[in-house]
Amino acid sequence: MEGRRAGKPHTERIYVKVTSEFDTTGSMVPLSITWADGRTFAIEAVRDFRPAGAVGNDRAGDCFTVLIRGRERRLFFEHISPQFIGRVGRWFVEKTVTA
């Protein structure tokens, strides 16, 4: 990739389908992740939630620390429109790759 030195690790976004619900307080709660190949994994628990700041393209986002198959993972929600924060966006996980 242009601008990156060979062998230097960087992260890439992997966009995933997430099933979520809104609880009685109005908070969005992710329930499961489905990969592009159709595999679905239940989210056993949400351990932490925090605003993620700018997650790219001048868009704010949220970071959920979730438990999947006994391991903690970070799951991001990228807000697509500032007019509909929390309602319009897409989910991704980060993958570390070496170029």
PDB file of N, CA and C in Angstrom:
ATOM      1  N   MET A   1       0.833  -1.186   0.000  1.00  0.00           N
ATOM      2  CA  MET A   1       0.000   0.000   0.000  1.00  0.00           C
ATOM      3  C   MET A   1       0.871   1.240   0.000  1.00  0.00           C
ATOM      4  N   GLU A   2       0.400   2.217  -0.646  1.00  0.00           N
ATOM      5  CA  GLU A   2       1.134   3.463  -0.720  1.00  0.00           C
ATOM      6  C   GLU A   2       1.155   4.131   0.651  1.00  0.00           C
ATOM      7  N   GLY A   3       2.331   4.623   1.063  1.00  0.00           N
ATOM      8  CA  GLY A   3       2.439   5.317   2.331  1.00  0.00           C
ATOM      9  C   GLY A   3       2.731   4.411   3.518  1.00  0.00           C
ATOM     10  N   ARG A   4       2.756   3.089   3.303  1.00  0.00           N
ATOM     11  CA  ARG A   4       3.050   2.146   4.372  1.00  0.00           C
ATOM     12  C   ARG A   4       4.296   1.374   4.008  1.00  0.00           C
ATOM     13  N   ARG A   5       5.140   1.158   5.023  1.00  0.00           N
ATOM     14  CA  ARG A   5       6.330   0.368   4.777  1.00  0.00           C
ATOM     15  C   ARG A   5       5.990  -1.112   4.863  1.00  0.00           C
ATOM     16  N   ALA A   6       6.619  -1.907   4.014  1.00  0.00           N
ATOM     17  CA  ALA A   6       6.388  -3.343   4.012  1.00  0.00           C
ATOM     18  C   ALA A   6       6.718  -3.919   5.380  1.00  0.00           C
ATOM     19  N   GLY A   7       5.867  -4.815   5.840  1.00  0.00           N
ATOM     20  CA  GLY A   7       6.104  -5.486   7.099  1.00  0.00           C
ATOM     21  C   GLY A   7       5.596  -4.753   8.323  1.00  0.00           C
ATOM     22  N   LYS A   8       5.162  -3.508   8.165  1.00  0.00           N
ATOM     23  CA  LYS A   8       4.672  -2.754   9.306  1.00  0.00           C
ATOM     24  C   LYS A   8       3.199  -3.110   9.545  1.00  0.00           C
ATOM     25  N   PRO A   9       2.869  -3.578  10.756  1.00  0.00           N
ATOM     26  CA  PRO A   9       1.472  -3.939  11.019  1.00  0.00           C
ATOM     27  C   PRO A   9       0.548  -2.719  11.023  1.00  0.00           C
ATOM     28  N   HIS A  10      -0.663  -2.932  10.550  1.00  0.00           N
ATOM     29  CA  HIS A  10      -1.696  -1.905  10.582  1.00  0.00           C
ATOM     30  C   HIS A  10      -3.049  -2.607  10.748  1.00  0.00           C
ATOM     31  N   THR A  11      -4.071  -1.844  11.024  1.00  0.00           N
ATOM     32  CA  THR A  11      -5.390  -2.451  11.187  1.00  0.00           C
ATOM     33  C   THR A  11      -6.261  -2.156   9.980  1.00  0.00           C
ATOM     34  N   GLU A  12      -7.120  -3.113   9.678  1.00  0.00           N
ATOM     35  CA  GLU A  12      -8.115  -2.963   8.621  1.00  0.00           C
ATOM     36  C   GLU A  12      -9.478  -3.228   9.227  1.00  0.00           C
ATOM     37  N   ARG A  13     -10.472  -2.591   8.687  1.00  0.00           N
ATOM     38  CA  ARG A  13     -11.835  -2.802   9.148  1.00  0.00           C
ATOM     39  C   ARG A  13     -12.468  -3.970   8.401  1.00  0.00           C
ATOM     40  N   ILE A  14     -13.118  -4.813   9.157  1.00  0.00           N
ATOM     41  CA  ILE A  14     -13.906  -5.898   8.579  1.00  0.00           C
ATOM     42  C   ILE A  14     -15.351  -5.601   8.977  1.00  0.00           C
ATOM     43  N   TYR A  15     -16.170  -5.224   7.995  1.00  0.00           N
ATOM     44  CA  TYR A  15     -17.563  -4.891   8.281  1.00  0.00           C
ATOM     45  C   TYR A  15     -18.362  -6.177   8.438  1.00  0.00           C
ATOM     46  N   VAL A  16     -19.195  -6.216   9.475  1.00  0.00           N
ATOM     47  CA  VAL A  16     -19.948  -7.418   9.825  1.00  0.00           C
ATOM     48  C   VAL A  16     -21.411  -7.061  10.064  1.00  0.00           C
ATOM     49  N   LYS A  17     -22.253  -8.076   9.953  1.00  0.00           N
ATOM     50  CA  LYS A  17     -23.664  -7.920  10.289  1.00  0.00           C
ATOM     51  C   LYS A  17     -23.795  -8.182  11.788  1.00  0.00           C
ATOM     52  N   VAL A  18     -24.521  -7.317  12.476  1.00  0.00           N
ATOM     53  CA  VAL A  18     -24.730  -7.469  13.914  1.00  0.00           C
ATOM     54  C   VAL A  18     -26.228  -7.419  14.194  1.00  0.00           C
ATOM     55  N   THR A  19     -26.681  -8.376  14.969  1.00  0.00           N
ATOM     56  CA  THR A  19     -28.046  -8.342  15.466  1.00  0.00           C
ATOM     57  C   THR A  19     -27.999  -7.642  16.810  1.00  0.00           C
ATOM     58  N   SER A  20     -28.835  -6.622  16.974  1.00  0.00           N
ATOM     59  CA  SER A  20     -28.835  -5.862  18.226  1.00  0.00           C
ATOM     60  C   SER A  20     -30.262  -5.516  18.598  1.00  0.00           C
ATOM     61  N   GLU A  21     -30.403  -5.059  19.836  1.00  0.00           N
ATOM     62  CA  GLU A  21     -31.706  -4.609  20.300  1.00  0.00           C
ATOM     63  C   GLU A  21     -31.505  -3.373  21.159  1.00  0.00           C
ATOM     64  N   PHE A  22     -32.567  -2.663  21.406  1.00  0.00           N
ATOM     65  CA  PHE A  22     -32.544  -1.530  22.307  1.00  0.00           C
ATOM     66  C   PHE A  22     -33.214  -1.963  23.602  1.00  0.00           C
ATOM     67  N   ASP A  23     -32.518  -1.764  24.729  1.00  0.00           N
ATOM     68  CA  ASP A  23     -33.098  -2.152  26.012  1.00  0.00           C
ATOM     69  C   ASP A  23     -34.077  -1.077  26.491  1.00  0.00           C
ATOM     70  N   THR A  24     -34.614  -1.261  27.691  1.00  0.00           N
ATOM     71  CA  THR A  24     -35.638  -0.339  28.198  1.00  0.00           C
ATOM     72  C   THR A  24     -35.110   1.060  28.472  1.00  0.00           C
ATOM     73  N   THR A  25     -33.791   1.209  28.577  1.00  0.00           N
ATOM     74  CA  THR A  25     -33.215   2.548  28.778  1.00  0.00           C
ATOM     75  C   THR A  25     -32.935   3.245  27.455  1.00  0.00           C
ATOM     76  N   GLY A  26     -33.101   2.518  26.340  1.00  0.00           N
ATOM     77  CA  GLY A  26     -32.820   3.081  25.026  1.00  0.00           C
ATOM     78  C   GLY A  26     -31.419   2.795  24.532  1.00  0.00           C
ATOM     79  N   SER A  27     -30.650   2.030  25.306  1.00  0.00           N
ATOM     80  CA  SER A  27     -29.282   1.698  24.906  1.00  0.00           C
ATOM     81  C   SER A  27     -29.271   0.567  23.881  1.00  0.00           C
ATOM     82  N   MET A  28     -28.396   0.695  22.875  1.00  0.00           N
ATOM     83  CA  MET A  28     -28.240  -0.334  21.870  1.00  0.00           C
ATOM     84  C   MET A  28     -27.356  -1.443  22.439  1.00  0.00           C
ATOM     85  N   VAL A  29     -27.819  -2.686  22.326  1.00  0.00           N
ATOM     86  CA  VAL A  29     -27.095  -3.831  22.870  1.00  0.00           C
ATOM     87  C   VAL A  29     -26.863  -4.844  21.745  1.00  0.00           C
ATOM     88  N   PRO A  30     -25.600  -5.086  21.338  1.00  0.00           N
ATOM     89  CA  PRO A  30     -25.337  -6.092  20.311  1.00  0.00           C
ATOM     90  C   PRO A  30     -25.541  -7.498  20.875  1.00  0.00           C
ATOM     91  N   LEU A  31     -26.167  -8.378  20.082  1.00  0.00           N
ATOM     92  CA  LEU A  31     -26.481  -9.736  20.520  1.00  0.00           C
ATOM     93  C   LEU A  31     -25.671 -10.807  19.812  1.00  0.00           C
ATOM     94  N   SER A  32     -25.366 -10.583  18.530  1.00  0.00           N
ATOM     95  CA  SER A  32     -24.591 -11.574  17.775  1.00  0.00           C
ATOM     96  C   SER A  32     -23.910 -10.908  16.581  1.00  0.00           C
ATOM     97  N   ILE A  33     -22.852 -11.574  16.101  1.00  0.00           N
ATOM     98  CA  ILE A  33     -22.097 -11.120  14.926  1.00  0.00           C
ATOM     99  C   ILE A  33     -22.200 -12.191  13.859  1.00  0.00           C
ATOM    100  N   THR A  34     -22.467 -11.772  12.612  1.00  0.00           N
ATOM    101  CA  THR A  34     -22.492 -12.698  11.489  1.00  0.00           C
ATOM    102  C   THR A  34     -21.435 -12.261  10.484  1.00  0.00           C
ATOM    103  N   TRP A  35     -20.516 -13.171  10.168  1.00  0.00           N
ATOM    104  CA  TRP A  35     -19.453 -12.897   9.191  1.00  0.00           C
ATOM    105  C   TRP A  35     -19.984 -13.035   7.776  1.00  0.00           C
ATOM    106  N   ALA A  36     -19.258 -12.541   6.818  1.00  0.00           N
ATOM    107  CA  ALA A  36     -19.661 -12.577   5.403  1.00  0.00           C
ATOM    108  C   ALA A  36     -19.903 -14.009   4.925  1.00  0.00           C
ATOM    109  N   ASP A  37     -19.212 -14.977   5.524  1.00  0.00           N
ATOM    110  CA  ASP A  37     -19.390 -16.370   5.098  1.00  0.00           C
ATOM    111  C   ASP A  37     -20.587 -17.050   5.759  1.00  0.00           C
ATOM    112  N   GLY A  38     -21.343 -16.291   6.577  1.00  0.00           N
ATOM    113  CA  GLY A  38     -22.554 -16.814   7.187  1.00  0.00           C
ATOM    114  C   GLY A  38     -22.404 -17.334   8.609  1.00  0.00           C
ATOM    115  N   ARG A  39     -21.178 -17.477   9.094  1.00  0.00           N
ATOM    116  CA  ARG A  39     -20.994 -17.950  10.471  1.00  0.00           C
ATOM    117  C   ARG A  39     -21.502 -16.882  11.438  1.00  0.00           C
ATOM    118  N   THR A  40     -22.265 -17.319  12.432  1.00  0.00           N
ATOM    119  CA  THR A  40     -22.817 -16.407  13.433  1.00  0.00           C
ATOM    120  C   THR A  40     -22.316 -16.803  14.807  1.00  0.00           C
ATOM    121  N   PHE A  41     -21.922 -15.792  15.592  1.00  0.00           N
ATOM    122  CA  PHE A  41     -21.430 -16.021  16.946  1.00  0.00           C
ATOM    123  C   PHE A  41     -22.221 -15.153  17.915  1.00  0.00           C
ATOM    124  N   ALA A  42     -22.715 -15.781  18.962  1.00  0.00           N
ATOM    125  CA  ALA A  42     -23.454 -15.053  19.993  1.00  0.00           C
ATOM    126  C   ALA A  42     -22.503 -14.187  20.805  1.00  0.00           C
ATOM    127  N   ILE A  43     -22.974 -13.019  21.180  1.00  0.00           N
ATOM    128  CA  ILE A  43     -22.234 -12.150  22.101  1.00  0.00           C
ATOM    129  C   ILE A  43     -22.727 -12.517  23.495  1.00  0.00           C
ATOM    130  N   GLU A  44     -21.825 -13.086  24.285  1.00  0.00           N
ATOM    131  CA  GLU A  44     -22.188 -13.593  25.604  1.00  0.00           C
ATOM    132  C   GLU A  44     -22.394 -12.478  26.622  1.00  0.00           C
ATOM    133  N   ALA A  45     -21.656 -11.386  26.460  1.00  0.00           N
ATOM    134  CA  ALA A  45     -21.774 -10.257  27.389  1.00  0.00           C
ATOM    135  C   ALA A  45     -21.169  -9.020  26.762  1.00  0.00           C
ATOM    136  N   VAL A  46     -21.681  -7.863  27.157  1.00  0.00           N
ATOM    137  CA  VAL A  46     -21.057  -6.588  26.808  1.00  0.00           C
ATOM    138  C   VAL A  46     -20.341  -6.139  28.071  1.00  0.00           C
ATOM    139  N   ARG A  47     -19.019  -6.096  28.012  1.00  0.00           N
ATOM    140  CA  ARG A  47     -18.220  -5.770  29.193  1.00  0.00           C
ATOM    141  C   ARG A  47     -17.983  -4.273  29.364  1.00  0.00           C
ATOM    142  N   ASP A  48     -17.971  -3.546  28.238  1.00  0.00           N
ATOM    143  CA  ASP A  48     -17.698  -2.118  28.312  1.00  0.00           C
ATOM    144  C   ASP A  48     -18.271  -1.446  27.075  1.00  0.00           C
ATOM    145  N   PHE A  49     -18.593  -0.184  27.229  1.00  0.00           N
ATOM    146  CA  PHE A  49     -19.054   0.643  26.120  1.00  0.00           C
ATOM    147  C   PHE A  49     -18.454   2.020  26.307  1.00  0.00           C
ATOM    148  N   ARG A  50     -17.972   2.597  25.213  1.00  0.00           N
ATOM    149  CA  ARG A  50     -17.457   3.969  25.282  1.00  0.00           C
ATOM    150  C   ARG A  50     -17.469   4.588  23.890  1.00  0.00           C
ATOM    151  N   PRO A  51     -17.620   5.900  23.845  1.00  0.00           N
ATOM    152  CA  PRO A  51     -17.488   6.575  22.554  1.00  0.00           C
ATOM    153  C   PRO A  51     -16.087   6.321  22.000  1.00  0.00           C
ATOM    154  N   ALA A  52     -16.002   6.090  20.712  1.00  0.00           N
ATOM    155  CA  ALA A  52     -14.718   5.780  20.093  1.00  0.00           C
ATOM    156  C   ALA A  52     -14.091   6.994  19.434  1.00  0.00           C
ATOM    157  N   GLY A  53     -14.708   8.169  19.558  1.00  0.00           N
ATOM    158  CA  GLY A  53     -14.168   9.342  18.896  1.00  0.00           C
ATOM    159  C   GLY A  53     -14.308   9.195  17.397  1.00  0.00           C
ATOM    160  N   ALA A  54     -13.412   9.783  16.675  1.00  0.00           N
ATOM    161  CA  ALA A  54     -13.450   9.680  15.217  1.00  0.00           C
ATOM    162  C   ALA A  54     -12.916   8.315  14.813  1.00  0.00           C
ATOM    163  N   VAL A  55     -13.767   7.506  14.219  1.00  0.00           N
ATOM    164  CA  VAL A  55     -13.336   6.195  13.755  1.00  0.00           C
ATOM    165  C   VAL A  55     -13.031   6.209  12.261  1.00  0.00           C
ATOM    166  N   GLY A  56     -12.972   7.363  11.707  1.00  0.00           N
ATOM    167  CA  GLY A  56     -12.614   7.480  10.292  1.00  0.00           C
ATOM    168  C   GLY A  56     -13.643   8.269   9.513  1.00  0.00           C
ATOM    169  N   ASN A  57     -13.187   8.837   8.425  1.00  0.00           N
ATOM    170  CA  ASN A  57     -14.058   9.597   7.526  1.00  0.00           C
ATOM    171  C   ASN A  57     -14.832  10.683   8.272  1.00  0.00           C
ATOM    172  N   ASP A  58     -14.238  11.252   9.310  1.00  0.00           N
ATOM    173  CA  ASP A  58     -14.866  12.308  10.101  1.00  0.00           C
ATOM    174  C   ASP A  58     -16.176  11.858  10.749  1.00  0.00           C
ATOM    175  N   ARG A  59     -16.294  10.564  11.004  1.00  0.00           N
ATOM    176  CA  ARG A  59     -17.494  10.031  11.634  1.00  0.00           C
ATOM    177  C   ARG A  59     -17.177   9.595  13.051  1.00  0.00           C
ATOM    178  N   ALA A  60     -18.087   9.895  13.943  1.00  0.00           N
ATOM    179  CA  ALA A  60     -17.936   9.428  15.314  1.00  0.00           C
ATOM    180  C   ALA A  60     -18.375   7.970  15.379  1.00  0.00           C
ATOM    181  N   GLY A  61     -18.073   7.337  16.478  1.00  0.00           N
ATOM    182  CA  GLY A  61     -18.475   5.952  16.634  1.00  0.00           C
ATOM    183  C   GLY A  61     -18.464   5.528  18.082  1.00  0.00           C
ATOM    184  N   ASP A  62     -18.793   4.281  18.285  1.00  0.00           N
ATOM    185  CA  ASP A  62     -18.830   3.690  19.612  1.00  0.00           C
ATOM    186  C   ASP A  62     -18.018   2.403  19.599  1.00  0.00           C
ATOM    187  N   CYS A  63     -17.431   2.091  20.743  1.00  0.00           N
ATOM    188  CA  CYS A  63     -16.671   0.859  20.887  1.00  0.00           C
ATOM    189  C   CYS A  63     -17.302   0.026  21.994  1.00  0.00           C
ATOM    190  N   PHE A  64     -17.658  -1.193  21.655  1.00  0.00           N
ATOM    191  CA  PHE A  64     -18.195  -2.140  22.614  1.00  0.00           C
ATOM    192  C   PHE A  64     -17.121  -3.200  22.863  1.00  0.00           C
ATOM    193  N   THR A  65     -16.810  -3.459  24.119  1.00  0.00           N
ATOM    194  CA  THR A  65     -15.956  -4.590  24.451  1.00  0.00           C
ATOM    195  C   THR A  65     -16.912  -5.721  24.772  1.00  0.00           C
ATOM    196  N   VAL A  66     -16.850  -6.776  23.943  1.00  0.00           N
ATOM    197  CA  VAL A  66     -17.815  -7.868  24.061  1.00  0.00           C
ATOM    198  C   VAL A  66     -17.098  -9.187  24.325  1.00  0.00           C
ATOM    199  N   LEU A  67     -17.841 -10.150  24.837  1.00  0.00           N
ATOM    200  CA  LEU A  67     -17.326 -11.482  25.093  1.00  0.00           C
ATOM    201  C   LEU A  67     -17.941 -12.427  24.077  1.00  0.00           C
ATOM    202  N   ILE A  68     -17.080 -13.065  23.262  1.00  0.00           N
ATOM    203  CA  ILE A  68     -17.508 -14.025  22.246  1.00  0.00           C
ATOM    204  C   ILE A  68     -16.679 -15.286  22.420  1.00  0.00           C
ATOM    205  N   ARG A  69     -17.361 -16.405  22.648  1.00  0.00           N
ATOM    206  CA  ARG A  69     -16.689 -17.697  22.864  1.00  0.00           C
ATOM    207  C   ARG A  69     -15.617 -17.588  23.954  1.00  0.00           C
ATOM    208  N   GLY A  70     -15.936 -16.832  25.006  1.00  0.00           N
ATOM    209  CA  GLY A  70     -15.048 -16.710  26.149  1.00  0.00           C
ATOM    210  C   GLY A  70     -13.894 -15.738  25.996  1.00  0.00           C
ATOM    211  N   ARG A  71     -13.817 -15.030  24.866  1.00  0.00           N
ATOM    212  CA  ARG A  71     -12.719 -14.088  24.634  1.00  0.00           C
ATOM    213  C   ARG A  71     -13.247 -12.687  24.428  1.00  0.00           C
ATOM    214  N   GLU A  72     -12.523 -11.716  24.988  1.00  0.00           N
ATOM    215  CA  GLU A  72     -12.905 -10.314  24.795  1.00  0.00           C
ATOM    216  C   GLU A  72     -12.505  -9.852  23.401  1.00  0.00           C
ATOM    217  N   ARG A  73     -13.419  -9.141  22.773  1.00  0.00           N
ATOM    218  CA  ARG A  73     -13.192  -8.555  21.444  1.00  0.00           C
ATOM    219  C   ARG A  73     -13.739  -7.136  21.446  1.00  0.00           C
ATOM    220  N   ARG A  74     -13.198  -6.314  20.554  1.00  0.00           N
ATOM    221  CA  ARG A  74     -13.731  -4.958  20.383  1.00  0.00           C
ATOM    222  C   ARG A  74     -14.599  -4.933  19.137  1.00  0.00           C
ATOM    223  N   LEU A  75     -15.789  -4.378  19.287  1.00  0.00           N
ATOM    224  CA  LEU A  75     -16.773  -4.256  18.215  1.00  0.00           C
ATOM    225  C   LEU A  75     -17.132  -2.785  18.101  1.00  0.00           C
ATOM    226  N   PHE A  76     -17.031  -2.245  16.895  1.00  0.00           N
ATOM    227  CA  PHE A  76     -17.248  -0.814  16.681  1.00  0.00           C
ATOM    228  C   PHE A  76     -18.536  -0.567  15.909  1.00  0.00           C
ATOM    229  N   PHE A  77     -19.215   0.517  16.289  1.00  0.00           N
ATOM    230  CA  PHE A  77     -20.371   1.000  15.544  1.00  0.00           C
ATOM    231  C   PHE A  77     -20.005   2.366  14.997  1.00  0.00           C
ATOM    232  N   GLU A  78     -19.972   2.479  13.688  1.00  0.00           N
ATOM    233  CA  GLU A  78     -19.602   3.714  13.002  1.00  0.00           C
ATOM    234  C   GLU A  78     -20.876   4.461  12.618  1.00  0.00           C
ATOM    235  N   HIS A  79     -21.038   5.670  13.148  1.00  0.00           N
ATOM    236  CA  HIS A  79     -22.218   6.478  12.825  1.00  0.00           C
ATOM    237  C   HIS A  79     -22.087   7.014  11.409  1.00  0.00           C
ATOM    238  N   ILE A  80     -23.090   6.762  10.593  1.00  0.00           N
ATOM    239  CA  ILE A  80     -23.079   7.197   9.199  1.00  0.00           C
ATOM    240  C   ILE A  80     -23.580   8.627   9.056  1.00  0.00           C
ATOM    241  N   SER A  81     -24.595   8.988   9.845  1.00  0.00           N
ATOM    242  CA  SER A  81     -25.212  10.300   9.704  1.00  0.00           C
ATOM    243  C   SER A  81     -25.318  10.990  11.062  1.00  0.00           C
ATOM    244  N   PRO A  82     -24.829  12.218  11.183  1.00  0.00           N
ATOM    245  CA  PRO A  82     -24.956  12.930  12.452  1.00  0.00           C
ATOM    246  C   PRO A  82     -26.410  13.247  12.808  1.00  0.00           C
ATOM    247  N   GLN A  83     -27.302  13.198  11.824  1.00  0.00           N
ATOM    248  CA  GLN A  83     -28.720  13.459  12.085  1.00  0.00           C
ATOM    249  C   GLN A  83     -29.399  12.285  12.772  1.00  0.00           C
ATOM    250  N   PHE A  84     -28.831  11.083  12.607  1.00  0.00           N
ATOM    251  CA  PHE A  84     -29.468   9.877  13.136  1.00  0.00           C
ATOM    252  C   PHE A  84     -28.493   9.058  13.981  1.00  0.00           C
ATOM    253  N   ILE A  85     -27.751   9.721  14.852  1.00  0.00           N
ATOM    254  CA  ILE A  85     -26.761   9.032  15.688  1.00  0.00           C
ATOM    255  C   ILE A  85     -27.446   7.927  16.470  1.00  0.00           C
ATOM    256  N   GLY A  86     -26.852   6.745  16.420  1.00  0.00           N
ATOM    257  CA  GLY A  86     -27.386   5.599  17.132  1.00  0.00           C
ATOM    258  C   GLY A  86     -28.391   4.798  16.336  1.00  0.00           C
ATOM    259  N   ARG A  87     -28.837   5.324  15.205  1.00  0.00           N
ATOM    260  CA  ARG A  87     -29.838   4.614  14.408  1.00  0.00           C
ATOM    261  C   ARG A  87     -29.336   4.226  13.032  1.00  0.00           C
ATOM    262  N   VAL A  88     -28.426   4.995  12.477  1.00  0.00           N
ATOM    263  CA  VAL A  88     -27.921   4.713  11.143  1.00  0.00           C
ATOM    264  C   VAL A  88     -26.409   4.581  11.239  1.00  0.00           C
ATOM    265  N   GLY A  89     -25.909   3.428  10.852  1.00  0.00           N
ATOM    266  CA  GLY A  89     -24.476   3.202  10.919  1.00  0.00           C
ATOM    267  C   GLY A  89     -24.142   1.796  10.480  1.00  0.00           C
ATOM    268  N   ARG A  90     -22.886   1.440  10.675  1.00  0.00           N
ATOM    269  CA  ARG A  90     -22.481   0.075  10.347  1.00  0.00           C
ATOM    270  C   ARG A  90     -21.460  -0.404  11.362  1.00  0.00           C
ATOM    271  N   TRP A  91     -21.420  -1.706  11.512  1.00  0.00           N
ATOM    272  CA  TRP A  91     -20.573  -2.368  12.498  1.00  0.00           C
ATOM    273  C   TRP A  91     -19.299  -2.881  11.855  1.00  0.00           C
ATOM    274  N   PHE A  92     -18.190  -2.832  12.609  1.00  0.00           N
ATOM    275  CA  PHE A  92     -16.965  -3.449  12.125  1.00  0.00           C
ATOM    276  C   PHE A  92     -16.110  -3.934  13.280  1.00  0.00           C
ATOM    277  N   VAL A  93     -15.220  -4.857  12.944  1.00  0.00           N
ATOM    278  CA  VAL A  93     -14.169  -5.298  13.858  1.00  0.00           C
ATOM    279  C   VAL A  93     -12.854  -4.931  13.190  1.00  0.00           C
ATOM    280  N   GLU A  94     -11.800  -4.856  13.969  1.00  0.00           N
ATOM    281  CA  GLU A  94     -10.496  -4.536  13.415  1.00  0.00           C
ATOM    282  C   GLU A  94      -9.655  -5.802  13.313  1.00  0.00           C
ATOM    283  N   LYS A  95      -8.915  -5.891  12.231  1.00  0.00           N
ATOM    284  CA  LYS A  95      -8.010  -7.008  11.998  1.00  0.00           C
ATOM    285  C   LYS A  95      -6.611  -6.432  11.801  1.00  0.00           C
ATOM    286  N   THR A  96      -5.634  -6.960  12.537  1.00  0.00           N
ATOM    287  CA  THR A  96      -4.256  -6.507  12.371  1.00  0.00           C
ATOM    288  C   THR A  96      -3.624  -7.315  11.255  1.00  0.00           C
ATOM    289  N   VAL A  97      -3.043  -6.617  10.298  1.00  0.00           N
ATOM    290  CA  VAL A  97      -2.389  -7.267   9.156  1.00  0.00           C
ATOM    291  C   VAL A  97      -0.985  -6.683   8.988  1.00  0.00           C
ATOM    292  N   THR A  98      -0.128  -7.483   8.409  1.00  0.00           N
ATOM    293  CA  THR A  98       1.221  -7.024   8.087  1.00  0.00           C
ATOM    294  C   THR A  98       1.295  -6.890   6.581  1.00  0.00           C
ATOM    295  N   ALA A  99       1.586  -5.671   6.135  1.00  0.00           N
ATOM    296  CA  ALA A  99       1.631  -5.402   4.682  1.00  0.00           C
ATOM    297  C   ALA A  99       2.883  -5.952   4.060  1.00  0.00           C
TER     298      ALA A  99
END
